[in-house]
Amino acid sequence: MVEEILNPPAAPTPRGLSSKSHPQKLSEISGDPEERLHLSIGEFARVLGGGVVPGSIILVGGDPGIGKSTLMLQVAVEMAESGRPVLYVSGEESEKQIRMRALRLLVDDQGKSRPVPESLYLVTETNLETILEHVHTVHPFILIVDSIQTVYLPDMSSSAGSVGQVRECSARLRELAKSSNVAVFVIGHVTKEGVIAGPRVLEHIVDTVLYLEGDRFLSFRLLRSVKNRFGATSEVGVFEMREHGMIEVANPSEAFLAERMVNAPGSAIAVTMEGTRPILVEVQGLTSPTNLGNPRRTPNGIDFNRMLLVVAVLTRRLGLRLGEQDVFVNIVGGLRVEEPAADLAVAAAITASMRDVPIRADAVLIGEVGLSGELRWVGQMPARLREAAKLGFKTAIIPRRVHRSEPLPEGIQVLEARSLREALNMAILSDKGAHTNESSA
């Protein structure tokens, strides 16, 4: 609970996106519906829906130190190099600190440095009224505010970062974006729960909400779209944090499978959909006998309740004695899988670890597990299978199709299973098969 004292303004100030607004017919409104500012950072443009829409306001959130400021400064440098003026406003760092980071981002992998773009303007300011004056002076195409919790309006008595200040400053920035056609990027802090700090209305004010996710101890970063008025939601861009900034990963599936140990017990490959992009991930399972009365269930990268459901089905429908085992499930690479299409891979990884036998190395497992032990169909199956075939996988184990009108892609053998038991018999090698595979490898 936060106490907020509201003082009435001395004089009412006119508000609104335009002082002379009037209704227009939809057919009379001009403008290209596909008008966007091109971005050379392909992964960032993909998450936005193809580029930056002029007049939009975009909120970027993430954990401290995850790389929000680095990514946005990289976007500012790329846009300024194209000749468009960009204004970067920071309330947390000085101009010299930002320049040091910008010089580091201008160095490529070969050690060559690009010249500093002339169209990039930096300013350290927290007074929003002064920031708006700078905008009218510079006339930028893109305005970046880092961060919204440091900006304040002097008319309000509350301190910067309070609920009222964040709400009012965001509303002023939205009016600026809509009235002047400036694309505004706002960086926001997150709470311990991982949501944007401040009022929930902040996410309703903006057009797009992006979250930069990832483990700070790993190099991969995921830029996820959870709201987008100009593109698909749940779209994901994959980056790798290096010395010279964020490097986009064109083939994330190959990156996530690079360190996979083939024929290791408890390793299965799942195909998850992140927006419109299929990504292959390695699911690792491990079971260990326990002497405690309450065995542990430890997931990393999947939902805890989803893991409990899979463990319960394996115990009740397949007879695995998991009540005497600690169960650990890990998604390699720091990716978090939310959809149930990875249920079959999780079940296969746990079962293979329990039996200490490997899973077919050339197979991907796709399917949702029901409480009766049946396998259920998941969406966008052809796109998943095409991605698996492109990476060299020969076999896909999927649920049995109810409607066979949708053709499946060629180049990969598709094995259909009605139940979880049937799918596991197809996926998990016998002891004899395991020794044969190891000797041939």
Protein backbone atom coordinates (compact mmCIF):
# COMPACT_ATOMS: atom_id res chain seq x y z
CA MET A 1 0.00 0.00 0.00
CA VAL A 2 1.41 3.39 -1.04
CA GLU A 3 0.07 6.67 0.31
CA GLU A 4 -0.32 9.24 -2.43
CA ILE A 5 -1.32 12.84 -1.70
CA LEU A 6 -3.11 14.46 -4.62
CA ASN A 7 -2.90 18.24 -4.84
CA PRO A 8 -5.37 19.96 -7.17
CA PRO A 9 -3.62 21.78 -10.05
CA ALA A 10 -3.40 25.52 -9.92
CA ALA A 11 -5.07 25.94 -13.30
CA PRO A 12 -6.60 23.36 -15.60
CA THR A 13 -4.32 22.57 -18.52
CA PRO A 14 -5.73 21.46 -21.85
CA ARG A 15 -5.11 17.78 -22.52
CA GLY A 16 -5.68 15.58 -25.53
CA LEU A 17 -3.85 14.23 -28.53
CA SER A 18 -4.84 17.23 -30.61
CA SER A 19 -6.31 20.61 -29.75
CA LYS A 20 -8.42 20.63 -32.93
CA SER A 21 -9.57 17.05 -33.27
CA HIS A 22 -12.55 16.23 -35.47
CA PRO A 23 -14.04 12.94 -36.72
CA GLN A 24 -13.03 11.71 -40.17
CA LYS A 25 -14.33 9.01 -42.44
CA LEU A 26 -12.17 5.91 -42.50
CA SER A 27 -12.04 6.03 -46.30
CA GLU A 28 -10.68 9.59 -46.22
CA ILE A 29 -7.77 8.90 -43.86
CA SER A 30 -4.46 8.76 -45.72
CA GLY A 31 -1.39 6.75 -44.83
CA ASP A 32 0.28 3.51 -45.76
CA PRO A 33 -0.84 0.67 -43.46
CA GLU A 34 2.55 -1.01 -43.90
CA GLU A 35 4.59 2.12 -43.16
CA ARG A 36 7.38 1.12 -40.79
CA LEU A 37 10.89 2.27 -39.97
CA HIS A 38 13.33 -0.37 -41.19
CA LEU A 39 15.65 -1.98 -38.62
CA SER A 40 18.85 -3.75 -39.58
CA ILE A 41 18.58 -5.87 -36.40
CA GLY A 42 16.40 -8.60 -37.87
CA GLU A 43 15.46 -10.32 -34.62
CA PHE A 44 14.29 -7.05 -33.06
CA ALA A 45 12.27 -6.16 -36.17
CA ARG A 46 10.72 -9.64 -36.14
CA VAL A 47 9.42 -9.20 -32.60
CA LEU A 48 7.97 -5.77 -33.46
CA GLY A 49 6.15 -7.25 -36.46
CA GLY A 50 8.49 -6.10 -39.22
CA GLY A 51 9.82 -2.75 -38.03
CA VAL A 52 9.07 0.32 -35.91
CA VAL A 53 5.68 1.92 -36.51
CA PRO A 54 5.89 5.75 -36.38
CA GLY A 55 3.81 7.19 -33.57
CA SER A 56 3.91 4.01 -31.49
CA ILE A 57 5.00 3.73 -27.85
CA ILE A 58 6.87 0.57 -26.88
CA LEU A 59 7.63 -0.65 -23.34
CA VAL A 60 10.77 -2.77 -22.81
CA GLY A 61 11.12 -4.58 -19.47
CA GLY A 62 13.48 -7.10 -17.96
CA ASP A 63 15.57 -8.03 -14.94
CA PRO A 64 18.40 -5.71 -13.84
CA GLY A 65 21.59 -6.31 -15.81
CA ILE A 66 19.89 -8.41 -18.48
CA GLY A 67 20.87 -5.98 -21.27
CA LYS A 68 17.90 -3.64 -21.80
CA SER A 69 19.97 -0.46 -22.05
CA THR A 70 22.58 -2.16 -24.24
CA LEU A 71 19.96 -3.41 -26.68
CA MET A 72 18.17 -0.06 -26.90
CA LEU A 73 21.43 1.85 -27.38
CA GLN A 74 22.29 -0.62 -30.13
CA VAL A 75 18.93 0.11 -31.79
CA ALA A 76 19.58 3.86 -31.42
CA VAL A 77 23.00 3.54 -33.07
CA GLU A 78 21.59 1.48 -35.96
CA MET A 79 18.79 3.99 -36.60
CA ALA A 80 21.13 7.00 -36.35
CA GLU A 81 23.52 5.45 -38.87
CA SER A 82 20.68 5.47 -41.40
CA GLY A 83 20.50 9.27 -41.08
CA ARG A 84 17.40 9.55 -38.89
CA PRO A 85 17.81 11.66 -35.73
CA VAL A 86 17.47 9.66 -32.49
CA LEU A 87 17.24 11.13 -28.98
CA TYR A 88 18.42 8.88 -26.13
CA VAL A 89 17.33 10.18 -22.71
CA SER A 90 18.87 8.58 -19.64
CA GLY A 91 17.99 9.24 -16.04
CA GLU A 92 20.46 6.71 -14.66
CA GLU A 93 23.74 7.31 -16.53
CA SER A 94 25.73 10.33 -17.65
CA GLU A 95 26.44 11.18 -21.28
CA LYS A 96 30.06 10.03 -20.88
CA GLN A 97 29.00 6.62 -19.60
CA ILE A 98 26.57 6.17 -22.49
CA ARG A 99 29.25 7.26 -24.98
CA MET A 100 31.68 4.67 -23.59
CA ARG A 101 29.12 1.92 -24.16
CA ALA A 102 28.27 3.26 -27.62
CA LEU A 103 31.94 3.19 -28.66
CA ARG A 104 32.13 -0.43 -27.54
CA LEU A 105 29.04 -1.29 -29.61
CA LEU A 106 30.58 0.34 -32.70
CA VAL A 107 33.44 -2.19 -32.73
CA ASP A 108 32.80 -5.35 -34.79
CA ASP A 109 34.19 -8.86 -34.22
CA GLN A 110 37.27 -8.11 -36.35
CA GLY A 111 38.19 -5.15 -34.12
CA LYS A 112 37.24 -2.48 -36.68
CA SER A 113 35.45 0.56 -35.31
CA ARG A 114 32.68 2.37 -37.15
CA PRO A 115 32.42 6.16 -36.95
CA VAL A 116 30.10 7.68 -34.35
CA PRO A 117 26.77 8.55 -36.03
CA GLU A 118 26.07 12.27 -36.23
CA SER A 119 22.30 11.84 -35.81
CA LEU A 120 22.43 10.30 -32.32
CA TYR A 121 21.74 12.77 -29.50
CA LEU A 122 22.32 11.95 -25.82
CA VAL A 123 20.99 13.77 -22.78
CA THR A 124 20.80 13.02 -19.06
CA GLU A 125 17.50 14.41 -17.79
CA THR A 126 14.67 13.33 -15.49
CA ASN A 127 12.30 16.31 -15.77
CA LEU A 128 9.71 15.29 -18.36
CA GLU A 129 8.87 18.87 -19.31
CA THR A 130 12.53 19.52 -20.16
CA ILE A 131 12.63 16.25 -22.12
CA LEU A 132 9.64 17.37 -24.19
CA GLU A 133 11.42 20.64 -24.93
CA HIS A 134 14.44 18.69 -26.19
CA VAL A 135 12.12 16.64 -28.41
CA HIS A 136 10.71 19.80 -30.01
CA THR A 137 14.28 21.04 -30.58
CA VAL A 138 15.79 17.86 -32.04
CA HIS A 139 12.68 16.52 -33.87
CA PRO A 140 13.78 12.88 -33.57
CA PHE A 141 12.27 9.92 -35.37
CA ILE A 142 12.83 7.78 -32.25
CA LEU A 143 12.84 8.80 -28.58
CA ILE A 144 14.28 6.37 -25.99
CA VAL A 145 13.57 6.99 -22.29
CA ASP A 146 15.74 5.02 -19.84
CA SER A 147 13.91 4.51 -17.57
CA ILE A 148 10.31 5.54 -16.91
CA GLN A 149 10.81 5.11 -13.14
CA THR A 150 13.39 7.93 -13.09
CA VAL A 151 11.25 10.49 -14.96
CA TYR A 152 8.99 12.90 -13.05
CA LEU A 153 6.64 15.82 -13.59
CA PRO A 154 7.38 18.85 -11.37
CA ASP A 155 3.65 19.64 -11.09
CA MET A 156 3.15 16.52 -8.96
CA SER A 157 4.39 16.41 -5.39
CA SER A 158 5.12 12.66 -5.37
CA SER A 159 8.61 11.38 -6.03
CA ALA A 160 9.87 9.82 -9.25
CA GLY A 161 8.91 6.18 -9.61
CA SER A 162 5.68 6.48 -7.64
CA VAL A 163 2.43 5.15 -9.05
CA GLY A 164 1.09 8.58 -9.96
CA GLN A 165 4.31 9.78 -11.59
CA VAL A 166 4.73 6.65 -13.70
CA ARG A 167 1.12 6.74 -14.85
CA GLU A 168 1.12 10.47 -15.70
CA CYS A 169 4.53 10.47 -17.41
CA SER A 170 3.53 7.48 -19.56
CA ALA A 171 0.31 9.26 -20.56
CA ARG A 172 2.29 12.38 -21.59
CA LEU A 173 4.70 10.29 -23.65
CA ARG A 174 1.78 8.54 -25.35
CA GLU A 175 0.29 11.93 -26.29
CA LEU A 176 3.68 12.95 -27.68
CA ALA A 177 3.91 9.78 -29.80
CA LYS A 178 0.40 10.04 -31.25
CA SER A 179 0.47 13.79 -31.92
CA SER A 180 4.01 14.16 -33.35
CA ASN A 181 4.42 10.71 -34.99
CA VAL A 182 7.56 10.00 -32.94
CA ALA A 183 8.26 6.37 -32.04
CA VAL A 184 8.84 6.25 -28.27
CA PHE A 185 10.72 3.42 -26.53
CA VAL A 186 10.30 3.31 -22.75
CA ILE A 187 12.51 1.09 -20.56
CA GLY A 188 10.79 -0.12 -17.40
CA HIS A 189 12.07 -1.78 -14.25
CA VAL A 190 10.54 -5.03 -13.06
CA THR A 191 9.54 -6.23 -9.62
CA LYS A 192 10.72 -9.39 -7.85
CA GLU A 193 7.84 -11.26 -9.51
CA GLY A 194 9.18 -10.27 -12.94
CA VAL A 195 6.38 -7.88 -13.95
CA ILE A 196 6.74 -4.22 -14.91
CA ALA A 197 7.04 -2.04 -11.80
CA GLY A 198 4.34 0.59 -11.37
CA PRO A 199 0.64 0.53 -12.14
CA ARG A 200 -0.80 -2.17 -14.36
CA VAL A 201 -2.34 0.58 -16.48
CA LEU A 202 1.16 1.27 -17.82
CA GLU A 203 0.95 -1.84 -20.00
CA HIS A 204 -2.48 -0.77 -21.25
CA ILE A 205 -1.24 2.69 -22.27
CA VAL A 206 1.53 1.47 -24.57
CA ASP A 207 1.12 -0.21 -27.96
CA THR A 208 3.72 -2.94 -27.49
CA VAL A 209 5.16 -4.66 -24.42
CA LEU A 210 8.49 -6.47 -24.78
CA TYR A 211 10.30 -8.52 -22.14
CA LEU A 212 14.01 -9.29 -22.32
CA GLU A 213 14.49 -12.66 -20.65
CA GLY A 214 17.36 -15.02 -19.97
CA ASP A 215 19.73 -16.26 -17.34
CA ARG A 216 22.39 -13.68 -16.52
CA PHE A 217 24.90 -16.53 -16.21
CA LEU A 218 24.18 -17.66 -19.80
CA SER A 219 24.88 -15.75 -22.99
CA PHE A 220 21.48 -16.19 -24.65
CA ARG A 221 18.78 -13.53 -24.32
CA LEU A 222 15.17 -13.84 -25.48
CA LEU A 223 13.19 -10.77 -26.48
CA ARG A 224 9.55 -11.78 -26.07
CA SER A 225 6.48 -9.83 -27.20
CA VAL A 226 3.50 -10.19 -24.85
CA LYS A 227 1.42 -7.39 -26.38
CA ASN A 228 1.64 -5.94 -29.87
CA ARG A 229 -0.97 -3.87 -31.67
CA PHE A 230 1.04 -4.03 -34.90
CA GLY A 231 2.15 -7.66 -35.04
CA ALA A 232 1.85 -11.14 -33.59
CA THR A 233 2.03 -11.62 -29.83
CA SER A 234 4.27 -14.24 -28.19
CA GLU A 235 6.89 -13.61 -30.91
CA VAL A 236 10.46 -14.22 -29.79
CA GLY A 237 13.82 -12.89 -30.94
CA VAL A 238 16.99 -14.68 -29.84
CA PHE A 239 20.21 -12.79 -29.07
CA GLU A 240 23.61 -13.70 -27.71
CA MET A 241 25.32 -11.29 -25.34
CA ARG A 242 28.91 -10.68 -26.40
CA GLU A 243 31.57 -8.08 -25.73
CA HIS A 244 30.37 -5.84 -28.56
CA GLY A 245 26.67 -5.98 -27.70
CA MET A 246 23.72 -8.16 -28.59
CA ILE A 247 24.33 -10.42 -31.59
CA GLU A 248 21.21 -11.86 -33.20
CA VAL A 249 20.99 -15.64 -33.47
CA ALA A 250 19.60 -16.52 -36.89
CA ASN A 251 19.16 -20.25 -36.12
CA PRO A 252 18.32 -20.60 -32.42
CA SER A 253 17.49 -24.33 -32.69
CA GLU A 254 21.02 -25.13 -33.82
CA ALA A 255 22.44 -22.98 -31.01
CA PHE A 256 20.35 -24.68 -28.31
CA LEU A 257 21.38 -28.16 -29.53
CA ALA A 258 25.08 -27.39 -30.05
CA GLU A 259 26.28 -29.01 -26.80
CA ARG A 260 23.89 -31.95 -26.79
CA MET A 261 25.37 -35.31 -25.75
CA VAL A 262 23.94 -37.92 -28.10
CA ASN A 263 22.65 -41.20 -26.59
CA ALA A 264 22.74 -39.83 -23.05
CA PRO A 265 19.91 -41.31 -20.91
CA GLY A 266 17.25 -38.72 -20.14
CA SER A 267 17.80 -36.41 -23.15
CA ALA A 268 14.87 -35.77 -25.50
CA ILE A 269 14.26 -33.21 -28.26
CA ALA A 270 11.03 -31.18 -28.29
CA VAL A 271 9.79 -28.67 -30.87
CA THR A 272 8.17 -25.65 -29.27
CA MET A 273 6.46 -22.74 -31.02
CA GLU A 274 7.49 -19.25 -29.99
CA GLY A 275 4.98 -17.09 -31.84
CA THR A 276 5.32 -18.15 -35.47
CA ARG A 277 8.82 -19.60 -35.03
CA PRO A 278 9.46 -23.30 -34.27
CA ILE A 279 12.46 -23.86 -31.98
CA LEU A 280 14.03 -27.21 -31.16
CA VAL A 281 15.10 -27.54 -27.54
CA GLU A 282 16.73 -30.27 -25.51
CA VAL A 283 14.72 -31.54 -22.55
CA GLN A 284 16.80 -33.24 -19.87
CA GLY A 285 15.31 -35.48 -17.22
CA LEU A 286 16.96 -37.04 -14.19
CA THR A 287 15.61 -39.34 -11.50
CA SER A 288 17.49 -40.12 -8.31
CA PRO A 289 16.48 -42.41 -5.42
CA THR A 290 15.61 -40.56 -2.23
CA ASN A 291 15.37 -41.60 1.40
CA LEU A 292 13.10 -38.69 2.28
CA GLY A 293 9.38 -39.12 2.75
CA ASN A 294 8.59 -36.29 0.36
CA PRO A 295 10.59 -36.60 -2.90
CA ARG A 296 11.56 -33.41 -4.69
CA ARG A 297 10.16 -32.20 -8.02
CA THR A 298 12.51 -29.59 -9.49
CA PRO A 299 11.70 -28.05 -12.90
CA ASN A 300 13.87 -25.52 -14.72
CA GLY A 301 12.31 -23.94 -17.80
CA ILE A 302 8.88 -25.58 -17.60
CA ASP A 303 5.81 -24.99 -15.47
CA PHE A 304 5.91 -26.76 -12.10
CA ASN A 305 2.28 -27.90 -12.27
CA ARG A 306 2.79 -29.22 -15.80
CA MET A 307 5.69 -31.32 -14.56
CA LEU A 308 3.58 -32.70 -11.70
CA LEU A 309 0.89 -33.68 -14.21
CA VAL A 310 3.38 -35.63 -16.37
CA VAL A 311 4.88 -37.34 -13.30
CA ALA A 312 1.39 -38.32 -12.08
CA VAL A 313 0.47 -39.82 -15.47
CA LEU A 314 3.73 -41.79 -15.61
CA THR A 315 3.14 -43.11 -12.10
CA ARG A 316 -0.54 -43.98 -12.48
CA ARG A 317 -0.81 -45.05 -16.14
CA LEU A 318 2.63 -46.57 -16.81
CA GLY A 319 3.44 -47.89 -13.35
CA LEU A 320 6.72 -46.05 -12.84
CA ARG A 321 7.66 -45.91 -9.15
CA LEU A 322 8.44 -42.20 -9.13
CA GLY A 323 7.15 -41.80 -5.59
CA GLU A 324 10.56 -43.05 -4.44
CA GLN A 325 12.55 -40.80 -6.79
CA ASP A 326 13.61 -37.17 -6.88
CA VAL A 327 12.71 -35.87 -10.35
CA PHE A 328 14.58 -33.04 -12.09
CA VAL A 329 13.66 -31.56 -15.50
CA ASN A 330 15.77 -28.96 -17.30
CA ILE A 331 15.31 -27.05 -20.57
CA VAL A 332 18.81 -26.45 -21.97
CA GLY A 333 19.83 -22.92 -22.96
CA GLY A 334 17.72 -20.89 -20.54
CA LEU A 335 14.57 -21.07 -22.69
CA ARG A 336 11.23 -21.29 -20.89
CA VAL A 337 8.64 -23.57 -22.52
CA GLU A 338 5.06 -22.61 -21.73
CA GLU A 339 3.04 -24.73 -24.17
CA PRO A 340 1.97 -28.36 -23.50
CA ALA A 341 3.50 -29.65 -26.75
CA ALA A 342 6.66 -30.53 -24.79
CA ASP A 343 4.79 -32.96 -22.50
CA LEU A 344 5.81 -36.02 -24.52
CA ALA A 345 9.50 -35.02 -24.49
CA VAL A 346 9.36 -34.42 -20.72
CA ALA A 347 7.74 -37.81 -20.14
CA ALA A 348 10.29 -39.55 -22.37
CA ALA A 349 13.23 -37.84 -20.63
CA ILE A 350 11.99 -38.87 -17.16
CA THR A 351 11.22 -42.45 -18.26
CA ALA A 352 14.58 -42.88 -20.04
CA SER A 353 16.45 -41.63 -16.98
CA MET A 354 14.45 -43.97 -14.75
CA ARG A 355 15.30 -46.97 -16.96
CA ASP A 356 18.85 -45.66 -17.67
CA VAL A 357 18.49 -46.11 -21.43
CA PRO A 358 18.83 -43.52 -24.22
CA ILE A 359 16.17 -42.06 -26.49
CA ARG A 360 16.48 -42.29 -30.26
CA ALA A 361 19.01 -39.61 -31.17
CA ASP A 362 17.44 -38.80 -34.54
CA ALA A 363 13.86 -38.38 -33.24
CA VAL A 364 11.85 -35.39 -32.08
CA LEU A 365 8.89 -35.82 -29.75
CA ILE A 366 5.82 -33.60 -30.05
CA GLY A 367 2.52 -33.98 -28.21
CA GLU A 368 0.37 -33.09 -25.25
CA VAL A 369 -0.19 -35.72 -22.55
CA GLY A 370 -3.72 -36.21 -21.21
CA LEU A 371 -4.67 -37.48 -17.77
CA SER A 372 -5.82 -40.81 -19.22
CA GLY A 373 -2.41 -41.41 -20.75
CA GLU A 374 -3.49 -40.42 -24.26
CA LEU A 375 -1.61 -38.15 -26.64
CA ARG A 376 -3.34 -35.04 -27.95
CA TRP A 377 -2.69 -33.10 -31.15
CA VAL A 378 -0.98 -29.70 -31.01
CA GLY A 379 -1.16 -26.80 -33.43
CA GLN A 380 1.18 -25.84 -36.29
CA MET A 381 2.48 -29.38 -36.66
CA PRO A 382 3.74 -28.99 -40.29
CA ALA A 383 5.92 -26.01 -39.30
CA ARG A 384 7.40 -28.00 -36.41
CA LEU A 385 8.19 -30.98 -38.63
CA ARG A 386 9.77 -28.81 -41.33
CA GLU A 387 12.10 -27.25 -38.76
CA ALA A 388 13.08 -30.70 -37.43
CA ALA A 389 13.75 -32.02 -40.94
CA LYS A 390 15.83 -28.95 -41.77
CA LEU A 391 18.13 -29.69 -38.83
CA GLY A 392 18.67 -33.30 -39.92
CA PHE A 393 16.26 -35.24 -37.70
CA LYS A 394 14.94 -38.36 -39.44
CA THR A 395 11.98 -39.32 -37.24
CA ALA A 396 9.12 -37.51 -35.50
CA ILE A 397 6.86 -39.15 -32.94
CA ILE A 398 3.54 -37.31 -32.80
CA PRO A 399 -0.08 -38.00 -31.72
CA ARG A 400 -2.32 -39.88 -34.11
CA ARG A 401 -4.14 -37.57 -36.48
CA VAL A 402 -7.91 -37.31 -36.22
CA HIS A 403 -8.29 -35.28 -39.43
CA ARG A 404 -5.92 -36.29 -42.23
CA SER A 405 -6.82 -33.40 -44.51
CA GLU A 406 -3.71 -31.43 -43.52
CA PRO A 407 -0.67 -32.92 -45.31
CA LEU A 408 2.54 -33.37 -43.37
CA PRO A 409 5.88 -32.36 -44.91
CA GLU A 410 8.14 -34.88 -46.59
CA GLY A 411 11.74 -35.59 -45.68
CA ILE A 412 11.04 -36.90 -42.17
CA GLN A 413 9.48 -40.20 -41.06
CA VAL A 414 6.37 -39.58 -38.98
CA LEU A 415 5.38 -42.17 -36.37
CA GLU A 416 1.89 -41.68 -34.93
CA ALA A 417 0.97 -42.93 -31.45
CA ARG A 418 -2.40 -43.00 -29.74
CA SER A 419 -1.16 -43.34 -26.15
CA LEU A 420 1.83 -42.26 -24.11
CA ARG A 421 2.89 -45.89 -23.60
CA GLU A 422 2.92 -46.50 -27.36
CA ALA A 423 4.96 -43.33 -28.00
CA LEU A 424 7.54 -44.19 -25.34
CA ASN A 425 7.99 -47.68 -26.82
CA MET A 426 8.79 -46.01 -30.15
CA ALA A 427 11.15 -43.42 -28.67
CA ILE A 428 13.11 -45.21 -25.97
CA LEU A 429 15.71 -47.72 -27.10
CA SER A 430 15.99 -51.11 -25.45
CA ASP A 431 19.17 -52.09 -23.65
CA LYS A 432 20.27 -54.03 -26.73
CA GLY A 433 19.52 -51.08 -29.01
CA ALA A 434 21.42 -48.76 -26.73
CA HIS A 435 24.60 -50.86 -26.83
CA THR A 436 24.32 -51.22 -30.60
CA ASN A 437 23.99 -47.45 -31.03
CA GLU A 438 26.95 -46.72 -28.78
CA SER A 439 29.21 -49.19 -30.60
CA SER A 440 28.26 -47.81 -34.01
CA ALA A 441 28.80 -44.23 -32.80
